[in-house]
Amino acid sequence: MRRASALTFCLILILLLGGCGGPRISGNETYVTVTPADDEAEALPDAQKRCGTYGRIAHFKRMEGKSAVFDCDPR
């Protein structure tokens, strides 16, 4: 019984900590989406970094719920 409780505790801890890895960044050389983000300013550094890998600059486009969407424009 004690072993099952310890295993259950470990599984719950893994699930809870799984969301602590920072923002999820997706996109390509034309756009970037940063999730979660409360506003443009919070997501901008991550968007700039991703667009920068393509030699481009991030420009805020819109919020979609808790996601910030940026265009990656040529310099």
N, C-alpha and C. Protein backbone atom coordinates (compact mmCIF):
# COMPACT_ATOMS: atom_id res chain seq x y z
N MET A 1 0.83 -1.20 0.00
CA MET A 1 0.00 0.00 0.00
C MET A 1 0.86 1.25 0.00
N ARG A 2 1.90 1.25 0.83
CA ARG A 2 2.77 2.42 0.92
C ARG A 2 3.49 2.67 -0.40
N ARG A 3 3.88 1.60 -1.09
CA ARG A 3 4.57 1.73 -2.37
C ARG A 3 3.63 2.33 -3.43
N ALA A 4 2.37 1.93 -3.43
CA ALA A 4 1.40 2.47 -4.38
C ALA A 4 1.19 3.96 -4.13
N SER A 5 1.16 4.37 -2.88
CA SER A 5 0.98 5.79 -2.55
C SER A 5 2.17 6.60 -3.03
N ALA A 6 3.37 6.07 -2.84
CA ALA A 6 4.58 6.77 -3.28
C ALA A 6 4.60 6.89 -4.80
N LEU A 7 4.20 5.84 -5.48
CA LEU A 7 4.15 5.86 -6.94
C LEU A 7 3.13 6.87 -7.44
N THR A 8 1.97 6.90 -6.82
CA THR A 8 0.93 7.86 -7.19
C THR A 8 1.42 9.28 -6.97
N PHE A 9 2.09 9.54 -5.85
CA PHE A 9 2.63 10.86 -5.56
C PHE A 9 3.63 11.28 -6.63
N CYS A 10 4.52 10.37 -7.02
CA CYS A 10 5.52 10.68 -8.04
C CYS A 10 4.87 11.00 -9.38
N LEU A 11 3.87 10.24 -9.75
CA LEU A 11 3.18 10.49 -11.03
C LEU A 11 2.49 11.85 -11.03
N ILE A 12 1.85 12.20 -9.92
CA ILE A 12 1.18 13.50 -9.82
C ILE A 12 2.22 14.62 -9.89
N LEU A 13 3.33 14.45 -9.22
CA LEU A 13 4.39 15.46 -9.24
C LEU A 13 4.94 15.65 -10.66
N ILE A 14 5.14 14.57 -11.39
CA ILE A 14 5.63 14.66 -12.77
C ILE A 14 4.63 15.41 -13.64
N LEU A 15 3.34 15.12 -13.48
CA LEU A 15 2.31 15.80 -14.27
C LEU A 15 2.25 17.29 -13.94
N LEU A 16 2.37 17.63 -12.67
CA LEU A 16 2.32 19.04 -12.28
C LEU A 16 3.54 19.81 -12.77
N LEU A 17 4.70 19.21 -12.70
CA LEU A 17 5.92 19.89 -13.12
C LEU A 17 6.08 19.93 -14.63
N GLY A 18 5.33 19.11 -15.34
CA GLY A 18 5.42 19.08 -16.79
C GLY A 18 5.07 20.40 -17.44
N GLY A 19 4.22 21.20 -16.82
CA GLY A 19 3.83 22.50 -17.36
C GLY A 19 4.75 23.62 -16.99
N CYS A 20 5.86 23.33 -16.31
CA CYS A 20 6.76 24.37 -15.83
C CYS A 20 7.97 24.57 -16.74
N GLY A 21 7.91 24.09 -17.94
CA GLY A 21 9.06 24.15 -18.82
C GLY A 21 9.19 25.46 -19.58
N GLY A 22 8.37 26.43 -19.31
CA GLY A 22 8.45 27.68 -20.04
C GLY A 22 7.46 27.71 -21.19
N PRO A 23 7.53 28.77 -21.98
CA PRO A 23 6.56 28.92 -23.07
C PRO A 23 6.79 27.92 -24.20
N ARG A 24 5.72 27.62 -24.88
CA ARG A 24 5.78 26.78 -26.08
C ARG A 24 5.84 27.73 -27.27
N ILE A 25 6.85 27.55 -28.09
CA ILE A 25 7.06 28.44 -29.23
C ILE A 25 6.94 27.61 -30.51
N SER A 26 6.05 28.04 -31.39
CA SER A 26 5.88 27.32 -32.66
C SER A 26 5.87 28.32 -33.80
N GLY A 27 6.10 27.82 -34.99
CA GLY A 27 6.08 28.68 -36.17
C GLY A 27 7.21 28.35 -37.12
N ASN A 28 7.47 29.29 -38.00
CA ASN A 28 8.52 29.10 -39.00
C ASN A 28 9.10 30.47 -39.34
N GLU A 29 9.68 30.61 -40.54
CA GLU A 29 10.32 31.89 -40.90
C GLU A 29 9.33 33.01 -41.19
N THR A 30 8.04 32.72 -41.26
CA THR A 30 7.06 33.77 -41.55
C THR A 30 6.23 34.19 -40.35
N TYR A 31 6.08 33.31 -39.34
CA TYR A 31 5.30 33.67 -38.15
C TYR A 31 5.78 32.87 -36.94
N VAL A 32 5.44 33.38 -35.75
CA VAL A 32 5.76 32.71 -34.49
C VAL A 32 4.56 32.85 -33.57
N THR A 33 4.24 31.77 -32.84
CA THR A 33 3.20 31.80 -31.82
C THR A 33 3.84 31.41 -30.50
N VAL A 34 3.63 32.23 -29.46
CA VAL A 34 4.17 31.98 -28.13
C VAL A 34 3.00 31.72 -27.19
N THR A 35 3.00 30.56 -26.52
CA THR A 35 1.94 30.16 -25.61
C THR A 35 2.55 29.61 -24.33
N PRO A 36 2.12 29.95 -23.16
CA PRO A 36 1.14 30.97 -22.85
C PRO A 36 1.79 32.34 -22.80
N ALA A 37 0.98 33.35 -23.02
CA ALA A 37 1.44 34.73 -22.93
C ALA A 37 0.26 35.60 -22.50
N ASP A 38 0.50 36.46 -21.52
CA ASP A 38 -0.55 37.37 -21.08
C ASP A 38 -0.67 38.59 -21.97
N ASP A 39 0.46 38.97 -22.59
CA ASP A 39 0.44 40.14 -23.46
C ASP A 39 1.65 40.10 -24.41
N GLU A 40 1.69 41.07 -25.29
CA GLU A 40 2.75 41.15 -26.30
C GLU A 40 4.13 41.27 -25.67
N ALA A 41 4.26 42.12 -24.65
CA ALA A 41 5.56 42.38 -24.05
C ALA A 41 6.17 41.12 -23.43
N GLU A 42 5.34 40.28 -22.86
CA GLU A 42 5.83 39.04 -22.24
C GLU A 42 6.38 38.07 -23.28
N ALA A 43 5.76 38.01 -24.44
CA ALA A 43 6.12 37.05 -25.47
C ALA A 43 7.19 37.56 -26.44
N LEU A 44 7.38 38.86 -26.51
CA LEU A 44 8.27 39.45 -27.51
C LEU A 44 9.69 38.90 -27.49
N PRO A 45 10.36 38.74 -26.33
CA PRO A 45 11.73 38.22 -26.35
C PRO A 45 11.83 36.83 -27.00
N ASP A 46 10.87 35.95 -26.70
CA ASP A 46 10.89 34.62 -27.30
C ASP A 46 10.63 34.69 -28.81
N ALA A 47 9.72 35.55 -29.22
CA ALA A 47 9.42 35.71 -30.64
C ALA A 47 10.63 36.29 -31.39
N GLN A 48 11.29 37.28 -30.78
CA GLN A 48 12.47 37.88 -31.42
C GLN A 48 13.57 36.84 -31.60
N LYS A 49 13.74 36.00 -30.58
CA LYS A 49 14.77 34.97 -30.67
C LYS A 49 14.48 33.99 -31.81
N ARG A 50 13.22 33.53 -31.90
CA ARG A 50 12.86 32.57 -32.95
C ARG A 50 12.97 33.20 -34.33
N CYS A 51 12.42 34.41 -34.50
CA CYS A 51 12.51 35.08 -35.81
C CYS A 51 13.96 35.37 -36.16
N GLY A 52 14.77 35.69 -35.15
CA GLY A 52 16.18 35.99 -35.38
C GLY A 52 16.95 34.82 -35.95
N THR A 53 16.50 33.59 -35.66
CA THR A 53 17.20 32.43 -36.22
C THR A 53 17.05 32.38 -37.74
N TYR A 54 16.08 33.11 -38.28
CA TYR A 54 15.86 33.18 -39.72
C TYR A 54 16.33 34.53 -40.29
N GLY A 55 17.02 35.32 -39.46
CA GLY A 55 17.47 36.63 -39.90
C GLY A 55 16.34 37.63 -40.06
N ARG A 56 15.28 37.46 -39.28
CA ARG A 56 14.10 38.31 -39.37
C ARG A 56 13.78 38.96 -38.03
N ILE A 57 12.84 39.88 -38.05
CA ILE A 57 12.42 40.63 -36.85
C ILE A 57 10.96 40.32 -36.56
N ALA A 58 10.65 40.11 -35.27
CA ALA A 58 9.27 39.82 -34.87
C ALA A 58 8.46 41.10 -34.76
N HIS A 59 7.27 41.08 -35.35
CA HIS A 59 6.31 42.19 -35.23
C HIS A 59 4.99 41.61 -34.76
N PHE A 60 4.49 42.19 -33.65
CA PHE A 60 3.25 41.69 -33.05
C PHE A 60 2.09 41.82 -34.02
N LYS A 61 1.28 40.77 -34.09
CA LYS A 61 0.11 40.77 -34.96
C LYS A 61 -1.18 40.76 -34.15
N ARG A 62 -1.32 39.77 -33.22
CA ARG A 62 -2.57 39.69 -32.45
C ARG A 62 -2.42 38.72 -31.28
N MET A 63 -3.38 38.80 -30.35
CA MET A 63 -3.51 37.81 -29.28
C MET A 63 -4.62 36.85 -29.67
N GLU A 64 -4.40 35.57 -29.40
CA GLU A 64 -5.42 34.54 -29.60
C GLU A 64 -5.55 33.80 -28.27
N GLY A 65 -6.44 34.28 -27.41
CA GLY A 65 -6.55 33.71 -26.07
C GLY A 65 -5.28 33.97 -25.30
N LYS A 66 -4.60 32.91 -24.89
CA LYS A 66 -3.33 33.03 -24.14
C LYS A 66 -2.12 32.84 -25.04
N SER A 67 -2.28 33.08 -26.34
CA SER A 67 -1.18 32.98 -27.30
C SER A 67 -0.96 34.32 -27.98
N ALA A 68 0.32 34.67 -28.13
CA ALA A 68 0.69 35.88 -28.86
C ALA A 68 1.23 35.46 -30.22
N VAL A 69 0.72 36.08 -31.28
CA VAL A 69 1.12 35.73 -32.64
C VAL A 69 1.93 36.90 -33.21
N PHE A 70 3.07 36.57 -33.79
CA PHE A 70 3.96 37.56 -34.39
C PHE A 70 4.26 37.18 -35.82
N ASP A 71 4.40 38.18 -36.68
CA ASP A 71 4.94 37.95 -38.03
C ASP A 71 6.46 38.07 -37.93
N CYS A 72 7.17 37.27 -38.70
CA CYS A 72 8.63 37.40 -38.82
C CYS A 72 8.90 38.12 -40.13
N ASP A 73 9.19 39.41 -40.02
CA ASP A 73 9.40 40.24 -41.21
C ASP A 73 10.88 40.38 -41.54
N PRO A 74 11.19 40.54 -42.82
CA PRO A 74 12.59 40.77 -43.20
C PRO A 74 13.11 42.05 -42.53
N ARG A 75 14.40 42.09 -42.29
CA ARG A 75 15.02 43.28 -41.66
C ARG A 75 15.00 44.45 -42.60
